[in-house]
Amino acid sequence: MNMLRNLSLLLCAAGLALAGPAAGQPLDAECLVPSKPGGAMDLTCKLVQHGLQGRPGAPRLKLRYMPGGVGAVAWHTLGSQRRSEPNTLVAFSGGSVLNLARGKFGKASADDVRWVAAFGADYGMVAVPANSPYHSLGELLAALRRDPRRVLVGMSGTIGSQDWMKMALLVSKAGVDPRKMRFVALEGGGEQFVAMQAGHVQAISGDSSEALLYAGRGTVRVLAVLSEHRLPGLLAGVPTAREQGYDVVWPVIRGVWMGPGVSDTDYRRWVAAFADMENDPGFARMRAEAGLYPFSRTGEALARHIKQSIAEYNRQAAQFNLVRER
């Protein structure tokens, strides 16, 4: 826990000194966080910031927050106004890809940006306040089965979003119509925990890496992780949903993309930088400290994975008769 706290404090320092830029490169680069501070998107950019530290030719990486539309504002800003910036990265997750698949970014498609790298995997989780009457996933779902509107659930995004889909899969296995869930749409994981701790929601559907930032404070009880097996570390005592009789697994990849107008030379430079970063044992330790698990794709391999994921997300959405937004 001390190691995790130290990493969190270290990552929160903006503008970490990196190796000097190569000739002709700007002094600074940006990682755009498409949410408010405190959630997993924030963690993604901070991990990149620290992971690239000292890499040959890497400019100083600064963080900029661009919340709005659960990623839509950042997507359209880079895709239209800032499409050719050679040193601007944008954090994404599996949730971003799901929003893209469901039409929440308008008519955008996976081909509208340049996918740089995915360097870690996270898993969904369900949590309640530490003083909640619900001590297991089964108890929470039983309450929802008795009265779907009894529990107000906080989640990032609206109907069809990643957090909604996770809960929809769980409650449907408990015999509850997902559309009868009562929920509050929030902007990012940080807001979810703030809302729960303030008593505005009684449960949240989020990600395990976010839970790691709060679980050690004694204010949060994680009821289940949506992984194949129990996770190591601080959440080792939390049973999976499968263990509790609900066969739902939800991995969440994390990575970065760039604008569609970025030159091939600059794009390949960043792809190579991330490939080098991911081969470093030191980065593997940082990734573990951040609550992420190994998952590596760069360049065209990542673009293919994104397209495969979109097809799978659309298949899942069809289970709930969700119509793609336009």
C-alpha atoms as a PDB file:
ATOM      1  CA  MET A   1       0.000   0.000   0.000  1.00  0.00           C
ATOM      2  CA  ASN A   2       2.869   2.395   0.798  1.00  0.00           C
ATOM      3  CA  MET A   3       4.373   1.647  -2.609  1.00  0.00           C
ATOM      4  CA  LEU A   4       1.044   2.401  -4.293  1.00  0.00           C
ATOM      5  CA  ARG A   5       0.705   5.656  -2.355  1.00  0.00           C
ATOM      6  CA  ASN A   6       4.242   6.679  -3.244  1.00  0.00           C
ATOM      7  CA  LEU A   7       3.630   5.965  -6.926  1.00  0.00           C
ATOM      8  CA  SER A   8       0.391   7.936  -6.846  1.00  0.00           C
ATOM      9  CA  LEU A   9       2.148  10.924  -5.295  1.00  0.00           C
ATOM     10  CA  LEU A  10       4.982  10.652  -7.778  1.00  0.00           C
ATOM     11  CA  LEU A  11       2.661  10.464 -10.764  1.00  0.00           C
ATOM     12  CA  CYS A  12       0.675  13.473  -9.621  1.00  0.00           C
ATOM     13  CA  ALA A  13       3.643  15.782 -10.151  1.00  0.00           C
ATOM     14  CA  ALA A  14       3.003  17.408 -13.522  1.00  0.00           C
ATOM     15  CA  GLY A  15       5.801  18.189 -15.901  1.00  0.00           C
ATOM     16  CA  LEU A  16       8.289  15.557 -14.781  1.00  0.00           C
ATOM     17  CA  ALA A  17      11.719  16.232 -16.257  1.00  0.00           C
ATOM     18  CA  LEU A  18      12.302  13.966 -19.236  1.00  0.00           C
ATOM     19  CA  ALA A  19      15.269  13.584 -21.511  1.00  0.00           C
ATOM     20  CA  GLY A  20      15.827  16.445 -23.907  1.00  0.00           C
ATOM     21  CA  PRO A  21      13.964  16.435 -27.229  1.00  0.00           C
ATOM     22  CA  ALA A  22      15.554  15.352 -30.455  1.00  0.00           C
ATOM     23  CA  ALA A  23      16.567  18.010 -32.928  1.00  0.00           C
ATOM     24  CA  GLY A  24      13.566  19.772 -34.423  1.00  0.00           C
ATOM     25  CA  GLN A  25      11.068  18.449 -31.856  1.00  0.00           C
ATOM     26  CA  PRO A  26       9.051  20.778 -29.654  1.00  0.00           C
ATOM     27  CA  LEU A  27      10.177  20.970 -26.060  1.00  0.00           C
ATOM     28  CA  ASP A  28       6.866  19.788 -24.662  1.00  0.00           C
ATOM     29  CA  ALA A  29       4.263  17.139 -25.398  1.00  0.00           C
ATOM     30  CA  GLU A  30       0.782  16.694 -23.980  1.00  0.00           C
ATOM     31  CA  CYS A  31      -1.278  13.780 -22.793  1.00  0.00           C
ATOM     32  CA  LEU A  32      -4.947  14.765 -22.856  1.00  0.00           C
ATOM     33  CA  VAL A  33      -7.105  13.266 -20.110  1.00  0.00           C
ATOM     34  CA  PRO A  34     -10.679  13.072 -21.489  1.00  0.00           C
ATOM     35  CA  SER A  35     -12.240  13.290 -18.014  1.00  0.00           C
ATOM     36  CA  LYS A  36     -11.906  15.194 -14.779  1.00  0.00           C
ATOM     37  CA  PRO A  37      -8.934  14.487 -12.459  1.00  0.00           C
ATOM     38  CA  GLY A  38      -8.945  11.439 -10.220  1.00  0.00           C
ATOM     39  CA  GLY A  39     -10.115   8.570 -12.404  1.00  0.00           C
ATOM     40  CA  ALA A  40      -8.504   5.855 -14.489  1.00  0.00           C
ATOM     41  CA  MET A  41      -8.003   8.117 -17.536  1.00  0.00           C
ATOM     42  CA  ASP A  42      -5.995  10.426 -15.304  1.00  0.00           C
ATOM     43  CA  LEU A  43      -4.007   7.431 -14.076  1.00  0.00           C
ATOM     44  CA  THR A  44      -3.340   6.356 -17.677  1.00  0.00           C
ATOM     45  CA  CYS A  45      -1.722   9.660 -18.655  1.00  0.00           C
ATOM     46  CA  LYS A  46       0.265   9.801 -15.424  1.00  0.00           C
ATOM     47  CA  LEU A  47       1.581   6.325 -16.032  1.00  0.00           C
ATOM     48  CA  VAL A  48       2.666   7.387 -19.538  1.00  0.00           C
ATOM     49  CA  GLN A  49       4.236  10.521 -18.106  1.00  0.00           C
ATOM     50  CA  HIS A  50       6.363   8.566 -15.685  1.00  0.00           C
ATOM     51  CA  GLY A  51       6.989   5.591 -17.985  1.00  0.00           C
ATOM     52  CA  LEU A  52       8.538   7.776 -20.689  1.00  0.00           C
ATOM     53  CA  GLN A  53      10.784   9.591 -18.248  1.00  0.00           C
ATOM     54  CA  GLY A  54      14.392   9.460 -19.392  1.00  0.00           C
ATOM     55  CA  ARG A  55      13.629   7.871 -22.759  1.00  0.00           C
ATOM     56  CA  PRO A  56      15.958   9.116 -25.533  1.00  0.00           C
ATOM     57  CA  GLY A  57      14.295  11.902 -27.495  1.00  0.00           C
ATOM     58  CA  ALA A  58      11.169  12.008 -25.349  1.00  0.00           C
ATOM     59  CA  PRO A  59       9.896  15.563 -24.771  1.00  0.00           C
ATOM     60  CA  ARG A  60       8.551  16.698 -21.407  1.00  0.00           C
ATOM     61  CA  LEU A  61       5.054  15.289 -21.148  1.00  0.00           C
ATOM     62  CA  LYS A  62       2.426  17.498 -19.549  1.00  0.00           C
ATOM     63  CA  LEU A  63      -1.143  16.596 -18.661  1.00  0.00           C
ATOM     64  CA  ARG A  64      -4.171  18.542 -19.799  1.00  0.00           C
ATOM     65  CA  TYR A  65      -7.722  17.739 -18.741  1.00  0.00           C
ATOM     66  CA  MET A  66     -10.452  17.862 -21.389  1.00  0.00           C
ATOM     67  CA  PRO A  67     -13.641  16.368 -19.904  1.00  0.00           C
ATOM     68  CA  GLY A  68     -16.942  16.294 -21.709  1.00  0.00           C
ATOM     69  CA  GLY A  69     -19.202  13.737 -23.320  1.00  0.00           C
ATOM     70  CA  VAL A  70     -17.295  10.853 -21.686  1.00  0.00           C
ATOM     71  CA  GLY A  71     -14.445  11.345 -24.173  1.00  0.00           C
ATOM     72  CA  ALA A  72     -16.388  12.885 -27.069  1.00  0.00           C
ATOM     73  CA  VAL A  73     -15.005  16.412 -26.569  1.00  0.00           C
ATOM     74  CA  ALA A  74     -11.386  15.239 -26.739  1.00  0.00           C
ATOM     75  CA  TRP A  75     -12.150  12.991 -29.715  1.00  0.00           C
ATOM     76  CA  HIS A  76     -13.698  15.765 -31.800  1.00  0.00           C
ATOM     77  CA  THR A  77     -11.158  18.392 -30.723  1.00  0.00           C
ATOM     78  CA  LEU A  78      -8.233  16.275 -31.907  1.00  0.00           C
ATOM     79  CA  GLY A  79     -10.099  14.960 -34.919  1.00  0.00           C
ATOM     80  CA  SER A  80     -10.961  18.403 -36.276  1.00  0.00           C
ATOM     81  CA  GLN A  81      -9.132  21.359 -34.715  1.00  0.00           C
ATOM     82  CA  ARG A  82      -5.875  19.675 -33.654  1.00  0.00           C
ATOM     83  CA  ARG A  83      -5.642  16.735 -36.025  1.00  0.00           C
ATOM     84  CA  SER A  84      -1.960  17.092 -37.011  1.00  0.00           C
ATOM     85  CA  GLU A  85      -0.248  17.802 -33.685  1.00  0.00           C
ATOM     86  CA  PRO A  86       2.859  15.566 -33.589  1.00  0.00           C
ATOM     87  CA  ASN A  87       3.249  15.500 -29.809  1.00  0.00           C
ATOM     88  CA  THR A  88      -0.301  15.229 -28.466  1.00  0.00           C
ATOM     89  CA  LEU A  89      -1.535  11.930 -27.064  1.00  0.00           C
ATOM     90  CA  VAL A  90      -5.034  11.152 -25.812  1.00  0.00           C
ATOM     91  CA  ALA A  91      -5.792   8.523 -23.181  1.00  0.00           C
ATOM     92  CA  PHE A  92      -8.396   5.897 -24.005  1.00  0.00           C
ATOM     93  CA  SER A  93      -9.854   2.792 -22.420  1.00  0.00           C
ATOM     94  CA  GLY A  94     -12.085  -0.062 -23.439  1.00  0.00           C
ATOM     95  CA  GLY A  95     -14.930   2.228 -22.388  1.00  0.00           C
ATOM     96  CA  SER A  96     -13.851   4.789 -24.984  1.00  0.00           C
ATOM     97  CA  VAL A  97     -13.928   2.076 -27.645  1.00  0.00           C
ATOM     98  CA  LEU A  98     -17.395   0.996 -26.505  1.00  0.00           C
ATOM     99  CA  ASN A  99     -18.651   4.591 -26.747  1.00  0.00           C
ATOM    100  CA  LEU A 100     -17.190   4.775 -30.247  1.00  0.00           C
ATOM    101  CA  ALA A 101     -18.906   1.505 -31.181  1.00  0.00           C
ATOM    102  CA  ARG A 102     -22.259   2.691 -29.846  1.00  0.00           C
ATOM    103  CA  GLY A 103     -22.186   5.964 -31.797  1.00  0.00           C
ATOM    104  CA  LYS A 104     -21.638   8.227 -28.787  1.00  0.00           C
ATOM    105  CA  PHE A 105     -18.928  10.049 -30.758  1.00  0.00           C
ATOM    106  CA  GLY A 106     -21.338  10.786 -33.608  1.00  0.00           C
ATOM    107  CA  LYS A 107     -20.427   9.346 -36.998  1.00  0.00           C
ATOM    108  CA  ALA A 108     -16.815   8.717 -35.935  1.00  0.00           C
ATOM    109  CA  SER A 109     -15.166   5.375 -36.625  1.00  0.00           C
ATOM    110  CA  ALA A 110     -12.007   3.614 -35.486  1.00  0.00           C
ATOM    111  CA  ASP A 111     -10.278   4.782 -38.675  1.00  0.00           C
ATOM    112  CA  ASP A 112     -10.643   8.459 -37.720  1.00  0.00           C
ATOM    113  CA  VAL A 113      -7.605   8.526 -35.391  1.00  0.00           C
ATOM    114  CA  ARG A 114      -4.167   6.913 -35.156  1.00  0.00           C
ATOM    115  CA  TRP A 115      -3.986   4.236 -32.468  1.00  0.00           C
ATOM    116  CA  VAL A 116      -0.539   4.380 -30.848  1.00  0.00           C
ATOM    117  CA  ALA A 117      -0.298   1.925 -27.966  1.00  0.00           C
ATOM    118  CA  ALA A 118      -2.175  -0.062 -25.337  1.00  0.00           C
ATOM    119  CA  PHE A 119       0.040  -0.932 -22.393  1.00  0.00           C
ATOM    120  CA  GLY A 120      -2.136  -2.284 -19.627  1.00  0.00           C
ATOM    121  CA  ALA A 121      -5.392  -4.004 -18.753  1.00  0.00           C
ATOM    122  CA  ASP A 122      -7.780  -3.248 -15.945  1.00  0.00           C
ATOM    123  CA  TYR A 123     -10.951  -5.022 -14.809  1.00  0.00           C
ATOM    124  CA  GLY A 124     -14.404  -3.861 -13.875  1.00  0.00           C
ATOM    125  CA  MET A 125     -15.544  -3.857 -10.261  1.00  0.00           C
ATOM    126  CA  VAL A 126     -18.591  -3.035  -8.156  1.00  0.00           C
ATOM    127  CA  ALA A 127     -18.236  -1.104  -4.899  1.00  0.00           C
ATOM    128  CA  VAL A 128     -20.376   0.350  -2.108  1.00  0.00           C
ATOM    129  CA  PRO A 129     -19.563   2.599   0.862  1.00  0.00           C
ATOM    130  CA  ALA A 130     -17.813   0.865   3.767  1.00  0.00           C
ATOM    131  CA  ASN A 131     -20.935   1.325   5.932  1.00  0.00           C
ATOM    132  CA  SER A 132     -23.300  -0.089   3.292  1.00  0.00           C
ATOM    133  CA  PRO A 133     -25.777  -2.827   4.324  1.00  0.00           C
ATOM    134  CA  TYR A 134     -24.597  -4.833   1.306  1.00  0.00           C
ATOM    135  CA  HIS A 135     -21.644  -7.102   2.064  1.00  0.00           C
ATOM    136  CA  SER A 136     -21.589  -9.159  -1.129  1.00  0.00           C
ATOM    137  CA  LEU A 137     -22.500  -8.842  -4.767  1.00  0.00           C
ATOM    138  CA  GLY A 138     -25.351 -11.265  -4.173  1.00  0.00           C
ATOM    139  CA  GLU A 139     -26.859  -9.036  -1.481  1.00  0.00           C
ATOM    140  CA  LEU A 140     -26.670  -5.972  -3.725  1.00  0.00           C
ATOM    141  CA  LEU A 141     -28.247  -7.783  -6.675  1.00  0.00           C
ATOM    142  CA  ALA A 142     -30.924  -9.279  -4.419  1.00  0.00           C
ATOM    143  CA  ALA A 143     -31.897  -5.742  -3.353  1.00  0.00           C
ATOM    144  CA  LEU A 144     -32.080  -4.712  -7.006  1.00  0.00           C
ATOM    145  CA  ARG A 145     -34.196  -7.790  -7.766  1.00  0.00           C
ATOM    146  CA  ARG A 146     -36.678  -6.868  -5.021  1.00  0.00           C
ATOM    147  CA  ASP A 147     -36.847  -3.261  -6.208  1.00  0.00           C
ATOM    148  CA  PRO A 148     -34.633  -2.149  -9.114  1.00  0.00           C
ATOM    149  CA  ARG A 149     -35.053   1.480  -8.095  1.00  0.00           C
ATOM    150  CA  ARG A 150     -34.035   0.936  -4.494  1.00  0.00           C
ATOM    151  CA  VAL A 151     -30.315   1.350  -5.191  1.00  0.00           C
ATOM    152  CA  LEU A 152     -28.980   4.400  -7.017  1.00  0.00           C
ATOM    153  CA  VAL A 153     -25.884   3.362  -8.964  1.00  0.00           C
ATOM    154  CA  GLY A 154     -23.158   5.804  -9.998  1.00  0.00           C
ATOM    155  CA  MET A 155     -21.481   5.132 -13.323  1.00  0.00           C
ATOM    156  CA  SER A 156     -19.408   6.903 -15.916  1.00  0.00           C
ATOM    157  CA  GLY A 157     -21.602   7.533 -18.941  1.00  0.00           C
ATOM    158  CA  THR A 158     -25.205   6.796 -19.817  1.00  0.00           C
ATOM    159  CA  ILE A 159     -27.180   3.791 -21.103  1.00  0.00           C
ATOM    160  CA  GLY A 160     -24.911   1.679 -23.258  1.00  0.00           C
ATOM    161  CA  SER A 161     -21.674   2.955 -21.716  1.00  0.00           C
ATOM    162  CA  GLN A 162     -19.057   0.588 -20.326  1.00  0.00           C
ATOM    163  CA  ASP A 163     -20.102   0.979 -16.687  1.00  0.00           C
ATOM    164  CA  TRP A 164     -23.758   0.575 -17.647  1.00  0.00           C
ATOM    165  CA  MET A 165     -22.954  -2.557 -19.670  1.00  0.00           C
ATOM    166  CA  LYS A 166     -21.083  -4.133 -16.753  1.00  0.00           C
ATOM    167  CA  MET A 167     -24.023  -3.617 -14.406  1.00  0.00           C
ATOM    168  CA  ALA A 168     -26.502  -4.632 -17.104  1.00  0.00           C
ATOM    169  CA  LEU A 169     -24.758  -7.973 -17.553  1.00  0.00           C
ATOM    170  CA  LEU A 170     -24.724  -8.540 -13.785  1.00  0.00           C
ATOM    171  CA  VAL A 171     -28.321  -7.563 -13.061  1.00  0.00           C
ATOM    172  CA  SER A 172     -29.635  -9.519 -16.060  1.00  0.00           C
ATOM    173  CA  LYS A 173     -28.037 -12.648 -14.610  1.00  0.00           C
ATOM    174  CA  ALA A 174     -29.904 -11.856 -11.393  1.00  0.00           C
ATOM    175  CA  GLY A 175     -33.184 -11.724 -13.271  1.00  0.00           C
ATOM    176  CA  VAL A 176     -33.494  -7.923 -13.395  1.00  0.00           C
ATOM    177  CA  ASP A 177     -34.363  -5.902 -16.486  1.00  0.00           C
ATOM    178  CA  PRO A 178     -31.299  -3.611 -16.915  1.00  0.00           C
ATOM    179  CA  ARG A 179     -33.459  -0.796 -18.204  1.00  0.00           C
ATOM    180  CA  LYS A 180     -35.137  -0.610 -14.796  1.00  0.00           C
ATOM    181  CA  MET A 181     -31.854   0.243 -13.082  1.00  0.00           C
ATOM    182  CA  ARG A 182     -31.760   3.634 -11.444  1.00  0.00           C
ATOM    183  CA  PHE A 183     -28.418   5.324 -12.070  1.00  0.00           C
ATOM    184  CA  VAL A 184     -26.589   8.636 -12.173  1.00  0.00           C
ATOM    185  CA  ALA A 185     -24.352   9.399 -15.162  1.00  0.00           C
ATOM    186  CA  LEU A 186     -21.047  10.895 -14.011  1.00  0.00           C
ATOM    187  CA  GLU A 187     -17.902  12.104 -15.782  1.00  0.00           C
ATOM    188  CA  GLY A 188     -15.139   9.656 -14.951  1.00  0.00           C
ATOM    189  CA  GLY A 189     -14.181   7.373 -12.073  1.00  0.00           C
ATOM    190  CA  GLY A 190     -13.048  10.154  -9.761  1.00  0.00           C
ATOM    191  CA  GLU A 191     -16.538  11.652  -9.723  1.00  0.00           C
ATOM    192  CA  GLN A 192     -18.060   8.257  -8.994  1.00  0.00           C
ATOM    193  CA  PHE A 193     -16.153   7.806  -5.758  1.00  0.00           C
ATOM    194  CA  VAL A 194     -16.766  11.402  -4.696  1.00  0.00           C
ATOM    195  CA  ALA A 195     -20.503  10.979  -5.301  1.00  0.00           C
ATOM    196  CA  MET A 196     -20.599   7.718  -3.356  1.00  0.00           C
ATOM    197  CA  GLN A 197     -18.639   9.072  -0.423  1.00  0.00           C
ATOM    198  CA  ALA A 198     -20.976  12.074  -0.307  1.00  0.00           C
ATOM    199  CA  GLY A 199     -23.977   9.729  -0.136  1.00  0.00           C
ATOM    200  CA  HIS A 200     -25.414  10.713  -3.507  1.00  0.00           C
ATOM    201  CA  VAL A 201     -25.275   7.123  -4.815  1.00  0.00           C
ATOM    202  CA  GLN A 202     -25.396   3.800  -2.958  1.00  0.00           C
ATOM    203  CA  ALA A 203     -23.128   1.800  -5.297  1.00  0.00           C
ATOM    204  CA  ILE A 204     -20.806   2.339  -8.230  1.00  0.00           C
ATOM    205  CA  SER A 205     -19.823   0.392 -11.314  1.00  0.00           C
ATOM    206  CA  GLY A 206     -16.187   1.215 -12.045  1.00  0.00           C
ATOM    207  CA  ASP A 207     -12.701  -0.186 -12.560  1.00  0.00           C
ATOM    208  CA  SER A 208     -10.320  -1.997 -10.229  1.00  0.00           C
ATOM    209  CA  SER A 209      -7.454   0.481 -10.770  1.00  0.00           C
ATOM    210  CA  GLU A 210      -9.742   3.268  -9.551  1.00  0.00           C
ATOM    211  CA  ALA A 211     -10.760   1.189  -6.541  1.00  0.00           C
ATOM    212  CA  LEU A 212      -7.103   0.816  -5.564  1.00  0.00           C
ATOM    213  CA  LEU A 213      -6.897   4.579  -5.066  1.00  0.00           C
ATOM    214  CA  TYR A 214      -9.743   4.503  -2.530  1.00  0.00           C
ATOM    215  CA  ALA A 215     -10.065   1.010  -1.051  1.00  0.00           C
ATOM    216  CA  GLY A 216      -7.261   1.487   1.467  1.00  0.00           C
ATOM    217  CA  ARG A 217      -8.904   4.520   3.071  1.00  0.00           C
ATOM    218  CA  GLY A 218     -11.550   2.507   4.880  1.00  0.00           C
ATOM    219  CA  THR A 219     -14.409   4.306   3.151  1.00  0.00           C
ATOM    220  CA  VAL A 220     -15.059   1.864   0.295  1.00  0.00           C
ATOM    221  CA  ARG A 221     -16.093  -1.803   0.183  1.00  0.00           C
ATOM    222  CA  VAL A 222     -15.405  -3.539  -3.127  1.00  0.00           C
ATOM    223  CA  LEU A 223     -17.993  -6.300  -3.567  1.00  0.00           C
ATOM    224  CA  ALA A 224     -16.652  -7.976  -6.699  1.00  0.00           C
ATOM    225  CA  VAL A 225     -14.029  -7.734  -9.412  1.00  0.00           C
ATOM    226  CA  LEU A 226     -14.945  -8.715 -12.971  1.00  0.00           C
ATOM    227  CA  SER A 227     -11.809 -10.733 -13.685  1.00  0.00           C
ATOM    228  CA  GLU A 228     -11.193 -14.388 -14.481  1.00  0.00           C
ATOM    229  CA  HIS A 229      -9.350 -14.899 -11.192  1.00  0.00           C
ATOM    230  CA  ARG A 230      -8.823 -12.903  -8.027  1.00  0.00           C
ATOM    231  CA  LEU A 231      -6.509  -9.959  -8.432  1.00  0.00           C
ATOM    232  CA  PRO A 232      -3.250  -9.722  -6.492  1.00  0.00           C
ATOM    233  CA  GLY A 233      -2.362  -6.979  -4.045  1.00  0.00           C
ATOM    234  CA  LEU A 234      -4.790  -4.781  -2.161  1.00  0.00           C
ATOM    235  CA  LEU A 235      -7.866  -6.367  -3.759  1.00  0.00           C
ATOM    236  CA  ALA A 236      -6.721  -9.964  -3.224  1.00  0.00           C
ATOM    237  CA  GLY A 237      -9.488 -10.531  -0.682  1.00  0.00           C
ATOM    238  CA  VAL A 238     -12.241  -9.432  -3.073  1.00  0.00           C
ATOM    239  CA  PRO A 239     -14.033 -12.361  -4.776  1.00  0.00           C
ATOM    240  CA  THR A 240     -14.722 -12.342  -8.480  1.00  0.00           C
ATOM    241  CA  ALA A 241     -18.270 -12.095  -9.768  1.00  0.00           C
ATOM    242  CA  ARG A 242     -17.833 -15.655 -11.063  1.00  0.00           C
ATOM    243  CA  GLU A 243     -17.052 -16.910  -7.568  1.00  0.00           C
ATOM    244  CA  GLN A 244     -20.327 -15.411  -6.397  1.00  0.00           C
ATOM    245  CA  GLY A 245     -22.357 -17.106  -9.113  1.00  0.00           C
ATOM    246  CA  TYR A 246     -22.449 -14.365 -11.757  1.00  0.00           C
ATOM    247  CA  ASP A 247     -20.375 -15.238 -14.815  1.00  0.00           C
ATOM    248  CA  VAL A 248     -19.334 -11.761 -15.936  1.00  0.00           C
ATOM    249  CA  VAL A 249     -15.760 -10.879 -16.889  1.00  0.00           C
ATOM    250  CA  TRP A 250     -14.963  -7.379 -18.134  1.00  0.00           C
ATOM    251  CA  PRO A 251     -11.356  -6.485 -19.013  1.00  0.00           C
ATOM    252  CA  VAL A 252     -10.535  -2.842 -19.747  1.00  0.00           C
ATOM    253  CA  ILE A 253      -7.516  -2.009 -21.889  1.00  0.00           C
ATOM    254  CA  ARG A 254      -5.736   1.320 -21.431  1.00  0.00           C
ATOM    255  CA  GLY A 255      -3.625   3.245 -23.893  1.00  0.00           C
ATOM    256  CA  VAL A 256      -3.250   6.355 -26.079  1.00  0.00           C
ATOM    257  CA  TRP A 257      -4.095   7.553 -29.590  1.00  0.00           C
ATOM    258  CA  MET A 258      -3.156  10.553 -31.760  1.00  0.00           C
ATOM    259  CA  GLY A 259      -4.869  12.820 -34.285  1.00  0.00           C
ATOM    260  CA  PRO A 260      -5.568  11.505 -37.794  1.00  0.00           C
ATOM    261  CA  GLY A 261      -3.318  14.055 -39.507  1.00  0.00           C
ATOM    262  CA  VAL A 262      -0.144  13.152 -37.646  1.00  0.00           C
ATOM    263  CA  SER A 263       2.645  12.318 -40.102  1.00  0.00           C
ATOM    264  CA  ASP A 264       3.829   8.747 -40.538  1.00  0.00           C
ATOM    265  CA  THR A 265       7.249   9.761 -39.229  1.00  0.00           C
ATOM    266  CA  ASP A 266       5.891  11.212 -35.978  1.00  0.00           C
ATOM    267  CA  TYR A 267       3.431   8.372 -35.559  1.00  0.00           C
ATOM    268  CA  ARG A 268       6.136   5.729 -35.945  1.00  0.00           C
ATOM    269  CA  ARG A 269       8.343   7.642 -33.509  1.00  0.00           C
ATOM    270  CA  TRP A 270       5.693   7.421 -30.807  1.00  0.00           C
ATOM    271  CA  VAL A 271       4.854   3.776 -31.568  1.00  0.00           C
ATOM    272  CA  ALA A 272       8.546   2.914 -31.208  1.00  0.00           C
ATOM    273  CA  ALA A 273       8.796   4.903 -27.973  1.00  0.00           C
ATOM    274  CA  PHE A 274       5.932   2.949 -26.406  1.00  0.00           C
ATOM    275  CA  ALA A 275       7.249  -0.388 -27.649  1.00  0.00           C
ATOM    276  CA  ASP A 276      10.558   0.424 -25.982  1.00  0.00           C
ATOM    277  CA  MET A 277       8.816   1.563 -22.794  1.00  0.00           C
ATOM    278  CA  GLU A 278       6.788  -1.637 -22.528  1.00  0.00           C
ATOM    279  CA  ASN A 279       9.907  -3.790 -22.812  1.00  0.00           C
ATOM    280  CA  ASP A 280      11.426  -2.132 -19.754  1.00  0.00           C
ATOM    281  CA  PRO A 281      11.111  -4.206 -16.520  1.00  0.00           C
ATOM    282  CA  GLY A 282      10.893  -0.932 -14.626  1.00  0.00           C
ATOM    283  CA  PHE A 283       7.728  -0.024 -16.493  1.00  0.00           C
ATOM    284  CA  ALA A 284       6.240  -3.425 -15.673  1.00  0.00           C
ATOM    285  CA  ARG A 285       6.681  -2.614 -11.989  1.00  0.00           C
ATOM    286  CA  MET A 286       5.072   0.807 -12.406  1.00  0.00           C
ATOM    287  CA  ARG A 287       2.145  -0.732 -14.264  1.00  0.00           C
ATOM    288  CA  ALA A 288       1.588  -3.242 -11.452  1.00  0.00           C
ATOM    289  CA  GLU A 289       1.775  -0.468  -8.845  1.00  0.00           C
ATOM    290  CA  ALA A 290      -0.928   1.382 -10.775  1.00  0.00           C
ATOM    291  CA  GLY A 291      -3.210  -1.662 -10.552  1.00  0.00           C
ATOM    292  CA  LEU A 292      -2.892  -2.632 -14.218  1.00  0.00           C
ATOM    293  CA  TYR A 293      -1.998  -5.969 -15.752  1.00  0.00           C
ATOM    294  CA  PRO A 294       0.086  -6.845 -18.827  1.00  0.00           C
ATOM    295  CA  PHE A 295      -1.505  -6.082 -22.160  1.00  0.00           C
ATOM    296  CA  SER A 296       0.603  -4.885 -25.068  1.00  0.00           C
ATOM    297  CA  ARG A 297      -0.450  -3.727 -28.527  1.00  0.00           C
ATOM    298  CA  THR A 298       1.102  -0.982 -30.649  1.00  0.00           C
ATOM    299  CA  GLY A 299       0.485   0.519 -34.070  1.00  0.00           C
ATOM    300  CA  GLU A 300      -1.432  -1.562 -36.591  1.00  0.00           C
ATOM    301  CA  ALA A 301      -1.779  -4.506 -34.176  1.00  0.00           C
ATOM    302  CA  LEU A 302      -3.640  -2.207 -31.789  1.00  0.00           C
ATOM    303  CA  ALA A 303      -5.833  -0.819 -34.596  1.00  0.00           C
ATOM    304  CA  ARG A 304      -6.875  -4.375 -35.512  1.00  0.00           C
ATOM    305  CA  HIS A 305      -7.661  -5.158 -31.859  1.00  0.00           C
ATOM    306  CA  ILE A 306      -9.809  -2.022 -31.595  1.00  0.00           C
ATOM    307  CA  LYS A 307     -11.883  -3.054 -34.611  1.00  0.00           C
ATOM    308  CA  GLN A 308     -12.346  -6.565 -33.210  1.00  0.00           C
ATOM    309  CA  SER A 309     -13.437  -5.067 -29.876  1.00  0.00           C
ATOM    310  CA  ILE A 310     -15.995  -2.848 -31.593  1.00  0.00           C
ATOM    311  CA  ALA A 311     -17.566  -5.910 -33.225  1.00  0.00           C
ATOM    312  CA  GLU A 312     -17.748  -7.687 -29.841  1.00  0.00           C
ATOM    313  CA  TYR A 313     -19.220  -4.649 -28.067  1.00  0.00           C
ATOM    314  CA  ASN A 314     -21.921  -4.376 -30.719  1.00  0.00           C
ATOM    315  CA  ARG A 315     -22.748  -8.049 -30.222  1.00  0.00           C
ATOM    316  CA  GLN A 316     -23.141  -7.494 -26.473  1.00  0.00           C
ATOM    317  CA  ALA A 317     -25.241  -4.373 -26.999  1.00  0.00           C
ATOM    318  CA  ALA A 318     -27.591  -6.382 -29.196  1.00  0.00           C
ATOM    319  CA  GLN A 319     -28.406  -8.533 -26.144  1.00  0.00           C
ATOM    320  CA  PHE A 320     -30.071  -5.474 -24.583  1.00  0.00           C
ATOM    321  CA  ASN A 321     -31.663  -4.184 -27.795  1.00  0.00           C
ATOM    322  CA  LEU A 322     -29.535  -1.056 -27.688  1.00  0.00           C
ATOM    323  CA  VAL A 323     -29.822   1.033 -30.841  1.00  0.00           C
ATOM    324  CA  ARG A 324     -26.621   2.647 -32.063  1.00  0.00           C
ATOM    325  CA  GLU A 325     -26.746   6.407 -31.605  1.00  0.00           C
ATOM    326  CA  ARG A 326     -26.286   8.716 -34.577  1.00  0.00           C
END
